[in-house]
Amino acid sequence: MKKEKLIYKYKRYEGNVSSARKEIPFEFRLTSRMILDEICFQYNKQIIETSINQAIADDNKEKFMESSEAFKQFIWE
C-alpha cells in the first residue's frame, strides 16, 4: 500500500487585516466604576430625600415611613 503525502503551500492573506484592541487598564476600569457608583448613590439618595421632604410637607405618614425605610440603607454606615 502506498503512503499518502501531505504537502502544504503557504499563501499570503489578501483580505483586510484587523488588529486587536488594547485592553483598558484595570485602574481605569476600577476608577470609572467607582465614580459611576458614587454618582448613582448620590442621585438615589437625593431622590429619596426629596420624597421624605415631600411626605413631611404633605403630612403623609405612610409615604414618610416607606421613604425612611429606603433611606436607612443609605445611612447605615
PDB file of N, CA and C in Angstrom:
ATOM      1  N   MET A   1       0.829  -1.179   0.000  1.00  0.00           N
ATOM      2  CA  MET A   1       0.000   0.000   0.000  1.00  0.00           C
ATOM      3  C   MET A   1       0.878   1.249   0.000  1.00  0.00           C
ATOM      4  N   LYS A   2       0.477   2.207  -0.771  1.00  0.00           N
ATOM      5  CA  LYS A   2       1.265   3.408  -0.958  1.00  0.00           C
ATOM      6  C   LYS A   2       0.999   4.403   0.178  1.00  0.00           C
ATOM      7  N   LYS A   3       2.033   5.041   0.720  1.00  0.00           N
ATOM      8  CA  LYS A   3       1.872   6.040   1.775  1.00  0.00           C
ATOM      9  C   LYS A   3       1.382   7.350   1.175  1.00  0.00           C
ATOM     10  N   GLU A   4       0.472   7.982   1.902  1.00  0.00           N
ATOM     11  CA  GLU A   4      -0.034   9.274   1.443  1.00  0.00           C
ATOM     12  C   GLU A   4       0.871  10.386   1.934  1.00  0.00           C
ATOM     13  N   LYS A   5       1.056  11.375   1.104  1.00  0.00           N
ATOM     14  CA  LYS A   5       1.886  12.506   1.474  1.00  0.00           C
ATOM     15  C   LYS A   5       1.023  13.757   1.508  1.00  0.00           C
ATOM     16  N   LEU A   6       1.297  14.600   2.469  1.00  0.00           N
ATOM     17  CA  LEU A   6       0.615  15.892   2.571  1.00  0.00           C
ATOM     18  C   LEU A   6       1.603  16.988   2.234  1.00  0.00           C
ATOM     19  N   ILE A   7       1.173  17.863   1.383  1.00  0.00           N
ATOM     20  CA  ILE A   7       2.022  18.983   1.005  1.00  0.00           C
ATOM     21  C   ILE A   7       1.256  20.263   1.312  1.00  0.00           C
ATOM     22  N   TYR A   8       1.849  21.128   2.096  1.00  0.00           N
ATOM     23  CA  TYR A   8       1.225  22.400   2.458  1.00  0.00           C
ATOM     24  C   TYR A   8       1.883  23.526   1.684  1.00  0.00           C
ATOM     25  N   LYS A   9       1.061  24.408   1.144  1.00  0.00           N
ATOM     26  CA  LYS A   9       1.572  25.590   0.471  1.00  0.00           C
ATOM     27  C   LYS A   9       1.046  26.813   1.214  1.00  0.00           C
ATOM     28  N   TYR A  10       1.930  27.734   1.497  1.00  0.00           N
ATOM     29  CA  TYR A  10       1.549  28.956   2.191  1.00  0.00           C
ATOM     30  C   TYR A  10       1.235  30.046   1.186  1.00  0.00           C
ATOM     31  N   LYS A  11       0.078  30.673   1.360  1.00  0.00           N
ATOM     32  CA  LYS A  11      -0.311  31.784   0.504  1.00  0.00           C
ATOM     33  C   LYS A  11      -0.484  33.019   1.376  1.00  0.00           C
ATOM     34  N   ARG A  12      -0.106  34.121   0.833  1.00  0.00           N
ATOM     35  CA  ARG A  12      -0.245  35.383   1.548  1.00  0.00           C
ATOM     36  C   ARG A  12      -1.723  35.753   1.631  1.00  0.00           C
ATOM     37  N   TYR A  13      -2.146  36.203   2.817  1.00  0.00           N
ATOM     38  CA  TYR A  13      -3.538  36.602   3.042  1.00  0.00           C
ATOM     39  C   TYR A  13      -3.813  37.905   2.309  1.00  0.00           C
ATOM     40  N   GLU A  14      -4.887  37.944   1.533  1.00  0.00           N
ATOM     41  CA  GLU A  14      -5.177  39.114   0.718  1.00  0.00           C
ATOM     42  C   GLU A  14      -6.347  39.935   1.242  1.00  0.00           C
ATOM     43  N   GLY A  15      -6.956  39.541   2.341  1.00  0.00           N
ATOM     44  CA  GLY A  15      -8.101  40.271   2.883  1.00  0.00           C
ATOM     45  C   GLY A  15      -7.674  41.446   3.744  1.00  0.00           C
ATOM     46  N   ASN A  16      -8.654  42.092   4.351  1.00  0.00           N
ATOM     47  CA  ASN A  16      -8.368  43.213   5.249  1.00  0.00           C
ATOM     48  C   ASN A  16      -7.765  42.698   6.551  1.00  0.00           C
ATOM     49  N   VAL A  17      -6.724  43.329   6.971  1.00  0.00           N
ATOM     50  CA  VAL A  17      -6.055  42.934   8.199  1.00  0.00           C
ATOM     51  C   VAL A  17      -6.712  43.665   9.359  1.00  0.00           C
ATOM     52  N   SER A  18      -7.123  42.913  10.355  1.00  0.00           N
ATOM     53  CA  SER A  18      -7.719  43.545  11.537  1.00  0.00           C
ATOM     54  C   SER A  18      -6.734  43.442  12.688  1.00  0.00           C
ATOM     55  N   SER A  19      -6.686  44.479  13.475  1.00  0.00           N
ATOM     56  CA  SER A  19      -5.770  44.475  14.609  1.00  0.00           C
ATOM     57  C   SER A  19      -6.568  44.367  15.904  1.00  0.00           C
ATOM     58  N   ALA A  20      -5.962  43.780  16.890  1.00  0.00           N
ATOM     59  CA  ALA A  20      -6.626  43.587  18.178  1.00  0.00           C
ATOM     60  C   ALA A  20      -6.646  44.900  18.953  1.00  0.00           C
ATOM     61  N   ARG A  21      -7.715  45.077  19.723  1.00  0.00           N
ATOM     62  CA  ARG A  21      -7.807  46.278  20.559  1.00  0.00           C
ATOM     63  C   ARG A  21      -6.976  46.102  21.819  1.00  0.00           C
ATOM     64  N   LYS A  22      -6.504  47.209  22.306  1.00  0.00           N
ATOM     65  CA  LYS A  22      -5.792  47.160  23.571  1.00  0.00           C
ATOM     66  C   LYS A  22      -6.807  47.118  24.698  1.00  0.00           C
ATOM     67  N   GLU A  23      -6.500  46.360  25.709  1.00  0.00           N
ATOM     68  CA  GLU A  23      -7.402  46.256  26.848  1.00  0.00           C
ATOM     69  C   GLU A  23      -7.250  47.489  27.733  1.00  0.00           C
ATOM     70  N   ILE A  24      -8.374  47.934  28.289  1.00  0.00           N
ATOM     71  CA  ILE A  24      -8.354  49.089  29.183  1.00  0.00           C
ATOM     72  C   ILE A  24      -7.698  48.655  30.493  1.00  0.00           C
ATOM     73  N   PRO A  25      -6.760  49.436  31.002  1.00  0.00           N
ATOM     74  CA  PRO A  25      -6.084  49.064  32.246  1.00  0.00           C
ATOM     75  C   PRO A  25      -7.062  48.918  33.411  1.00  0.00           C
ATOM     76  N   PHE A  26      -6.722  48.030  34.315  1.00  0.00           N
ATOM     77  CA  PHE A  26      -7.574  47.735  35.464  1.00  0.00           C
ATOM     78  C   PHE A  26      -7.857  48.982  36.291  1.00  0.00           C
ATOM     79  N   GLU A  27      -6.866  49.831  36.471  1.00  0.00           N
ATOM     80  CA  GLU A  27      -7.043  51.031  37.292  1.00  0.00           C
ATOM     81  C   GLU A  27      -8.109  51.948  36.705  1.00  0.00           C
ATOM     82  N   PHE A  28      -8.116  52.088  35.384  1.00  0.00           N
ATOM     83  CA  PHE A  28      -9.121  52.938  34.733  1.00  0.00           C
ATOM     84  C   PHE A  28     -10.514  52.352  34.888  1.00  0.00           C
ATOM     85  N   ARG A  29     -10.614  51.028  34.709  1.00  0.00           N
ATOM     86  CA  ARG A  29     -11.921  50.384  34.853  1.00  0.00           C
ATOM     87  C   ARG A  29     -12.434  50.514  36.275  1.00  0.00           C
ATOM     88  N   LEU A  30     -11.560  50.293  37.251  1.00  0.00           N
ATOM     89  CA  LEU A  30     -11.963  50.382  38.650  1.00  0.00           C
ATOM     90  C   LEU A  30     -12.364  51.802  39.013  1.00  0.00           C
ATOM     91  N   THR A  31     -11.575  52.774  38.597  1.00  0.00           N
ATOM     92  CA  THR A  31     -11.875  54.173  38.901  1.00  0.00           C
ATOM     93  C   THR A  31     -13.191  54.601  38.272  1.00  0.00           C
ATOM     94  N   SER A  32     -13.403  54.242  37.021  1.00  0.00           N
ATOM     95  CA  SER A  32     -14.652  54.640  36.360  1.00  0.00           C
ATOM     96  C   SER A  32     -15.853  53.973  37.007  1.00  0.00           C
ATOM     97  N   ARG A  33     -15.715  52.721  37.407  1.00  0.00           N
ATOM     98  CA  ARG A  33     -16.820  52.031  38.079  1.00  0.00           C
ATOM     99  C   ARG A  33     -17.120  52.667  39.429  1.00  0.00           C
ATOM    100  N   MET A  34     -16.082  53.043  40.167  1.00  0.00           N
ATOM    101  CA  MET A  34     -16.296  53.677  41.469  1.00  0.00           C
ATOM    102  C   MET A  34     -16.958  55.047  41.316  1.00  0.00           C
ATOM    103  N   ILE A  35     -16.559  55.797  40.304  1.00  0.00           N
ATOM    104  CA  ILE A  35     -17.171  57.109  40.063  1.00  0.00           C
ATOM    105  C   ILE A  35     -18.645  56.948  39.704  1.00  0.00           C
ATOM    106  N   LEU A  36     -18.953  56.004  38.820  1.00  0.00           N
ATOM    107  CA  LEU A  36     -20.348  55.771  38.449  1.00  0.00           C
ATOM    108  C   LEU A  36     -21.180  55.304  39.641  1.00  0.00           C
ATOM    109  N   ASP A  37     -20.603  54.447  40.490  1.00  0.00           N
ATOM    110  CA  ASP A  37     -21.315  54.006  41.694  1.00  0.00           C
ATOM    111  C   ASP A  37     -21.618  55.180  42.613  1.00  0.00           C
ATOM    112  N   GLU A  38     -20.659  56.066  42.781  1.00  0.00           N
ATOM    113  CA  GLU A  38     -20.860  57.227  43.651  1.00  0.00           C
ATOM    114  C   GLU A  38     -21.928  58.159  43.079  1.00  0.00           C
ATOM    115  N   ILE A  39     -21.910  58.367  41.775  1.00  0.00           N
ATOM    116  CA  ILE A  39     -22.919  59.224  41.138  1.00  0.00           C
ATOM    117  C   ILE A  39     -24.314  58.633  41.319  1.00  0.00           C
ATOM    118  N   CYS A  40     -24.445  57.325  41.089  1.00  0.00           N
ATOM    119  CA  CYS A  40     -25.750  56.668  41.263  1.00  0.00           C
ATOM    120  C   CYS A  40     -26.202  56.726  42.714  1.00  0.00           C
ATOM    121  N   PHE A  41     -25.274  56.515  43.643  1.00  0.00           N
ATOM    122  CA  PHE A  41     -25.597  56.570  45.064  1.00  0.00           C
ATOM    123  C   PHE A  41     -26.121  57.949  45.448  1.00  0.00           C
ATOM    124  N   GLN A  42     -25.423  58.995  45.034  1.00  0.00           N
ATOM    125  CA  GLN A  42     -25.842  60.356  45.366  1.00  0.00           C
ATOM    126  C   GLN A  42     -27.186  60.695  44.730  1.00  0.00           C
ATOM    127  N   TYR A  43     -27.404  60.258  43.503  1.00  0.00           N
ATOM    128  CA  TYR A  43     -28.674  60.521  42.816  1.00  0.00           C
ATOM    129  C   TYR A  43     -29.838  59.838  43.542  1.00  0.00           C
ATOM    130  N   ASN A  44     -29.675  58.552  43.858  1.00  0.00           N
ATOM    131  CA  ASN A  44     -30.743  57.820  44.550  1.00  0.00           C
ATOM    132  C   ASN A  44     -31.007  58.399  45.933  1.00  0.00           C
ATOM    133  N   LYS A  45     -29.958  58.794  46.626  1.00  0.00           N
ATOM    134  CA  LYS A  45     -30.116  59.395  47.948  1.00  0.00           C
ATOM    135  C   LYS A  45     -30.884  60.712  47.850  1.00  0.00           C
ATOM    136  N   GLN A  46     -30.574  61.500  46.850  1.00  0.00           N
ATOM    137  CA  GLN A  46     -31.259  62.778  46.659  1.00  0.00           C
ATOM    138  C   GLN A  46     -32.743  62.561  46.350  1.00  0.00           C
ATOM    139  N   ILE A  47     -33.066  61.570  45.529  1.00  0.00           N
ATOM    140  CA  ILE A  47     -34.460  61.270  45.195  1.00  0.00           C
ATOM    141  C   ILE A  47     -35.231  60.863  46.448  1.00  0.00           C
ATOM    142  N   ILE A  48     -34.630  60.019  47.275  1.00  0.00           N
ATOM    143  CA  ILE A  48     -35.318  59.571  48.492  1.00  0.00           C
ATOM    144  C   ILE A  48     -35.462  60.721  49.478  1.00  0.00           C
ATOM    145  N   GLU A  49     -34.443  61.568  49.609  1.00  0.00           N
ATOM    146  CA  GLU A  49     -34.557  62.734  50.496  1.00  0.00           C
ATOM    147  C   GLU A  49     -35.677  63.659  50.031  1.00  0.00           C
ATOM    148  N   THR A  50     -35.790  63.848  48.731  1.00  0.00           N
ATOM    149  CA  THR A  50     -36.871  64.672  48.187  1.00  0.00           C
ATOM    150  C   THR A  50     -38.224  64.057  48.509  1.00  0.00           C
ATOM    151  N   SER A  51     -38.308  62.739  48.401  1.00  0.00           N
ATOM    152  CA  SER A  51     -39.549  62.036  48.712  1.00  0.00           C
ATOM    153  C   SER A  51     -39.907  62.187  50.191  1.00  0.00           C
ATOM    154  N   ILE A  52     -38.918  62.108  51.066  1.00  0.00           N
ATOM    155  CA  ILE A  52     -39.155  62.285  52.505  1.00  0.00           C
ATOM    156  C   ILE A  52     -39.623  63.707  52.788  1.00  0.00           C
ATOM    157  N   ASN A  53     -38.952  64.679  52.208  1.00  0.00           N
ATOM    158  CA  ASN A  53     -39.340  66.074  52.433  1.00  0.00           C
ATOM    159  C   ASN A  53     -40.744  66.356  51.908  1.00  0.00           C
ATOM    160  N   GLN A  54     -41.092  65.761  50.776  1.00  0.00           N
ATOM    161  CA  GLN A  54     -42.438  65.940  50.223  1.00  0.00           C
ATOM    162  C   GLN A  54     -43.480  65.289  51.130  1.00  0.00           C
ATOM    163  N   ALA A  55     -43.165  64.123  51.691  1.00  0.00           N
ATOM    164  CA  ALA A  55     -44.096  63.450  52.603  1.00  0.00           C
ATOM    165  C   ALA A  55     -44.301  64.271  53.870  1.00  0.00           C
ATOM    166  N   ILE A  56     -43.232  64.905  54.367  1.00  0.00           N
ATOM    167  CA  ILE A  56     -43.360  65.759  55.555  1.00  0.00           C
ATOM    168  C   ILE A  56     -44.218  66.976  55.224  1.00  0.00           C
ATOM    169  N   ALA A  57     -43.989  67.564  54.061  1.00  0.00           N
ATOM    170  CA  ALA A  57     -44.761  68.750  53.666  1.00  0.00           C
ATOM    171  C   ALA A  57     -46.241  68.415  53.469  1.00  0.00           C
ATOM    172  N   ASP A  58     -46.523  67.215  52.942  1.00  0.00           N
ATOM    173  CA  ASP A  58     -47.910  66.803  52.705  1.00  0.00           C
ATOM    174  C   ASP A  58     -48.549  66.163  53.937  1.00  0.00           C
ATOM    175  N   ASP A  59     -47.767  65.971  54.992  1.00  0.00           N
ATOM    176  CA  ASP A  59     -48.226  65.319  56.227  1.00  0.00           C
ATOM    177  C   ASP A  59     -48.742  63.904  55.928  1.00  0.00           C
ATOM    178  N   ASN A  60     -47.992  63.180  55.103  1.00  0.00           N
ATOM    179  CA  ASN A  60     -48.341  61.818  54.700  1.00  0.00           C
ATOM    180  C   ASN A  60     -47.429  60.851  55.447  1.00  0.00           C
ATOM    181  N   LYS A  61     -47.962  60.239  56.508  1.00  0.00           N
ATOM    182  CA  LYS A  61     -47.155  59.390  57.376  1.00  0.00           C
ATOM    183  C   LYS A  61     -46.732  58.094  56.673  1.00  0.00           C
ATOM    184  N   GLU A  62     -47.631  57.496  55.888  1.00  0.00           N
ATOM    185  CA  GLU A  62     -47.307  56.239  55.202  1.00  0.00           C
ATOM    186  C   GLU A  62     -46.155  56.431  54.209  1.00  0.00           C
ATOM    187  N   LYS A  63     -46.246  57.472  53.420  1.00  0.00           N
ATOM    188  CA  LYS A  63     -45.187  57.766  52.447  1.00  0.00           C
ATOM    189  C   LYS A  63     -43.866  58.066  53.160  1.00  0.00           C
ATOM    190  N   PHE A  64     -43.952  58.769  54.291  1.00  0.00           N
ATOM    191  CA  PHE A  64     -42.756  59.085  55.068  1.00  0.00           C
ATOM    192  C   PHE A  64     -42.099  57.811  55.589  1.00  0.00           C
ATOM    193  N   MET A  65     -42.904  56.876  56.097  1.00  0.00           N
ATOM    194  CA  MET A  65     -42.347  55.634  56.642  1.00  0.00           C
ATOM    195  C   MET A  65     -41.701  54.789  55.532  1.00  0.00           C
ATOM    196  N   GLU A  66     -42.337  54.715  54.369  1.00  0.00           N
ATOM    197  CA  GLU A  66     -41.756  53.970  53.245  1.00  0.00           C
ATOM    198  C   GLU A  66     -40.426  54.583  52.812  1.00  0.00           C
ATOM    199  N   SER A  67     -40.415  55.887  52.689  1.00  0.00           N
ATOM    200  CA  SER A  67     -39.199  56.570  52.241  1.00  0.00           C
ATOM    201  C   SER A  67     -38.091  56.486  53.281  1.00  0.00           C
ATOM    202  N   SER A  68     -38.454  56.563  54.556  1.00  0.00           N
ATOM    203  CA  SER A  68     -37.428  56.499  55.597  1.00  0.00           C
ATOM    204  C   SER A  68     -36.827  55.097  55.690  1.00  0.00           C
ATOM    205  N   GLU A  69     -37.624  54.057  55.413  1.00  0.00           N
ATOM    206  CA  GLU A  69     -37.080  52.695  55.387  1.00  0.00           C
ATOM    207  C   GLU A  69     -36.077  52.542  54.241  1.00  0.00           C
ATOM    208  N   ALA A  70     -36.398  53.108  53.101  1.00  0.00           N
ATOM    209  CA  ALA A  70     -35.470  53.059  51.965  1.00  0.00           C
ATOM    210  C   ALA A  70     -34.219  53.888  52.255  1.00  0.00           C
ATOM    211  N   PHE A  71     -34.386  54.983  52.981  1.00  0.00           N
ATOM    212  CA  PHE A  71     -33.255  55.872  53.273  1.00  0.00           C
ATOM    213  C   PHE A  71     -32.290  55.253  54.278  1.00  0.00           C
ATOM    214  N   LYS A  72     -32.768  54.328  55.104  1.00  0.00           N
ATOM    215  CA  LYS A  72     -31.900  53.685  56.097  1.00  0.00           C
ATOM    216  C   LYS A  72     -30.728  52.964  55.438  1.00  0.00           C
ATOM    217  N   GLN A  73     -30.929  52.461  54.233  1.00  0.00           N
ATOM    218  CA  GLN A  73     -29.844  51.766  53.537  1.00  0.00           C
ATOM    219  C   GLN A  73     -28.723  52.724  53.134  1.00  0.00           C
ATOM    220  N   PHE A  74     -29.045  54.006  53.021  1.00  0.00           N
ATOM    221  CA  PHE A  74     -28.040  54.980  52.615  1.00  0.00           C
ATOM    222  C   PHE A  74     -27.241  55.526  53.799  1.00  0.00           C
ATOM    223  N   ILE A  75     -27.749  55.363  55.002  1.00  0.00           N
ATOM    224  CA  ILE A  75     -27.058  55.929  56.163  1.00  0.00           C
ATOM    225  C   ILE A  75     -26.634  54.860  57.161  1.00  0.00           C
ATOM    226  N   TRP A  76     -26.519  53.615  56.739  1.00  0.00           N
ATOM    227  CA  TRP A  76     -26.188  52.524  57.650  1.00  0.00           C
ATOM    228  C   TRP A  76     -24.758  52.576  58.153  1.00  0.00           C
ATOM    229  N   GLU A  77     -23.935  53.401  57.564  1.00  0.00           N
ATOM    230  CA  GLU A  77     -22.532  53.499  57.959  1.00  0.00           C
ATOM    231  C   GLU A  77     -22.481  53.872  59.393  1.00  0.00           C
TER     232      GLU A  77
END
